[in-house]
Amino acid sequence: MSDTRPDLLQRLRYLAGTPLPESMREWVRHDVTGPGHLRRYLIRGVVPVIPILVVFAFIPGPPIVRICMILLLLLPLIYFQIALIKIYRRHLLLTNGLDPELLNSKRDKRRATTRSDYENIYRKP
């Protein structure tokens, strides 16, 4: 990974959809396709909702009502975040000038390995 990392303002703008400079493309590639990308993506989606969830925790009433209000927001949020992860990652790659096929690199490597294993076993002349 490149040593060029965005500062706090650049990172906030990046999360809001503004592309980073070309010198940071390697950082963007690592951010979107590197190890831990799912964790980073989920944290980015849940953190802005935490203040609302904290407010719901202090609404007067039985604890079960407070817990249900929090879960009513949190569960669909996480569900839709996971459902839309490929779209969001593709969008980040495209807006930063990278090839969206980078998302499929692991799958392509796995397919090539499986294919070569198959050919070694069953395609002997």
Protein backbone atom coordinates (compact mmCIF):
# COMPACT_ATOMS: atom_id res chain seq x y z
CA MET A 1 0.00 0.00 0.00
CA SER A 2 1.18 3.51 -0.77
CA ASP A 3 2.36 5.85 2.00
CA THR A 4 0.01 8.54 0.71
CA ARG A 5 -2.99 8.59 3.02
CA PRO A 6 -5.80 11.14 3.09
CA ASP A 7 -5.96 13.57 5.97
CA LEU A 8 -9.15 13.94 8.04
CA LEU A 9 -10.81 16.48 5.72
CA GLN A 10 -9.98 14.47 2.60
CA ARG A 11 -11.26 11.29 4.23
CA LEU A 12 -14.57 12.94 5.17
CA ARG A 13 -14.95 14.26 1.63
CA TYR A 14 -14.09 10.77 0.28
CA LEU A 15 -16.82 9.25 2.43
CA ALA A 16 -19.23 11.88 1.14
CA GLY A 17 -18.45 10.89 -2.46
CA THR A 18 -15.71 13.27 -3.57
CA PRO A 19 -12.86 11.52 -5.42
CA LEU A 20 -9.40 11.61 -3.93
CA PRO A 21 -6.33 12.81 -5.91
CA GLU A 22 -4.56 10.35 -8.22
CA SER A 23 -1.70 9.98 -5.76
CA MET A 24 -4.08 8.23 -3.34
CA ARG A 25 -5.53 5.65 -5.74
CA GLU A 26 -3.54 2.85 -4.17
CA TRP A 27 -5.02 3.78 -0.78
CA VAL A 28 -8.53 3.75 -2.28
CA ARG A 29 -7.88 0.35 -3.87
CA HIS A 30 -6.75 -1.04 -0.54
CA ASP A 31 -9.68 0.59 1.27
CA VAL A 32 -12.27 -0.90 -1.10
CA THR A 33 -10.75 -4.30 -1.87
CA GLY A 34 -8.22 -4.97 0.87
CA PRO A 35 -8.57 -7.04 4.01
CA GLY A 36 -11.15 -5.65 6.43
CA HIS A 37 -13.18 -3.82 3.77
CA LEU A 38 -16.47 -5.28 5.05
CA ARG A 39 -15.76 -4.18 8.61
CA ARG A 40 -14.84 -0.65 7.49
CA TYR A 41 -17.94 -0.43 5.32
CA LEU A 42 -20.30 -1.52 8.11
CA ILE A 43 -18.70 0.83 10.64
CA ARG A 44 -19.07 3.75 8.19
CA GLY A 45 -22.76 3.04 7.88
CA VAL A 46 -23.56 2.48 11.54
CA VAL A 47 -21.52 5.28 13.16
CA PRO A 48 -23.72 8.16 11.85
CA VAL A 49 -26.82 6.47 13.32
CA ILE A 50 -25.38 6.00 16.81
CA PRO A 51 -26.56 9.41 18.15
CA ILE A 52 -30.14 8.56 17.14
CA LEU A 53 -29.87 5.16 18.81
CA VAL A 54 -28.53 6.77 22.00
CA VAL A 55 -31.50 9.15 22.06
CA PHE A 56 -33.86 6.18 21.73
CA ALA A 57 -32.12 4.51 24.66
CA PHE A 58 -33.10 7.42 26.93
CA ILE A 59 -36.76 7.76 25.91
CA PRO A 60 -38.94 7.11 28.96
CA GLY A 61 -40.78 3.83 28.95
CA PRO A 62 -40.22 0.13 29.48
CA PRO A 63 -36.80 -1.16 28.46
CA ILE A 64 -38.33 -3.55 25.91
CA VAL A 65 -39.84 -0.61 24.01
CA ARG A 66 -36.48 1.17 23.90
CA ILE A 67 -34.70 -1.98 22.76
CA CYS A 68 -37.31 -2.61 20.07
CA MET A 69 -37.03 0.98 18.76
CA ILE A 70 -33.27 0.61 18.48
CA LEU A 71 -33.53 -2.77 16.77
CA LEU A 72 -36.21 -1.44 14.42
CA LEU A 73 -33.65 0.99 13.02
CA LEU A 74 -30.48 -1.04 13.38
CA LEU A 75 -31.48 -4.38 11.83
CA PRO A 76 -32.83 -3.03 8.49
CA LEU A 77 -29.85 -0.65 8.31
CA ILE A 78 -27.36 -3.49 8.58
CA TYR A 79 -29.42 -5.70 6.26
CA PHE A 80 -29.53 -3.10 3.48
CA GLN A 81 -25.89 -2.19 3.98
CA ILE A 82 -24.86 -5.77 3.38
CA ALA A 83 -27.24 -6.04 0.41
CA LEU A 84 -25.76 -2.92 -1.23
CA ILE A 85 -22.07 -3.47 -0.49
CA LYS A 86 -21.08 -4.39 -4.06
CA ILE A 87 -22.86 -1.35 -5.49
CA TYR A 88 -21.18 0.98 -3.00
CA ARG A 89 -17.72 -0.53 -3.55
CA ARG A 90 -18.12 -0.33 -7.34
CA HIS A 91 -19.19 3.32 -6.99
CA LEU A 92 -16.11 4.16 -4.90
CA LEU A 93 -13.82 2.54 -7.46
CA LEU A 94 -15.46 4.31 -10.41
CA THR A 95 -15.51 7.76 -8.81
CA ASN A 96 -11.82 7.45 -7.96
CA GLY A 97 -10.82 6.37 -11.47
CA LEU A 98 -10.16 2.69 -10.74
CA ASP A 99 -11.36 -0.37 -12.63
CA PRO A 100 -14.52 -1.84 -11.02
CA GLU A 101 -13.35 -5.32 -12.04
CA LEU A 102 -10.94 -5.15 -9.09
CA LEU A 103 -13.88 -6.38 -7.01
CA ASN A 104 -13.77 -9.71 -8.84
CA SER A 105 -10.03 -10.36 -8.57
CA LYS A 106 -10.32 -12.90 -5.74
CA ARG A 107 -13.14 -14.70 -7.51
CA ASP A 108 -11.14 -14.82 -10.75
CA LYS A 109 -8.07 -16.21 -8.99
CA ARG A 110 -10.18 -18.87 -7.28
CA ARG A 111 -11.78 -19.85 -10.60
CA ALA A 112 -8.39 -20.08 -12.32
CA THR A 113 -7.07 -22.31 -9.55
CA THR A 114 -10.14 -24.54 -9.68
CA ARG A 115 -9.91 -24.75 -13.46
CA SER A 116 -6.23 -25.68 -13.41
CA ASP A 117 -6.89 -28.33 -10.74
CA TYR A 118 -9.70 -29.74 -12.85
CA GLU A 119 -7.54 -29.84 -15.97
CA ASN A 120 -4.68 -31.49 -14.09
CA ILE A 121 -6.99 -34.25 -12.85
CA TYR A 122 -9.32 -34.90 -15.78
CA ARG A 123 -7.61 -33.62 -18.93
CA LYS A 124 -4.61 -35.89 -19.03
CA PRO A 125 -3.63 -36.86 -22.60
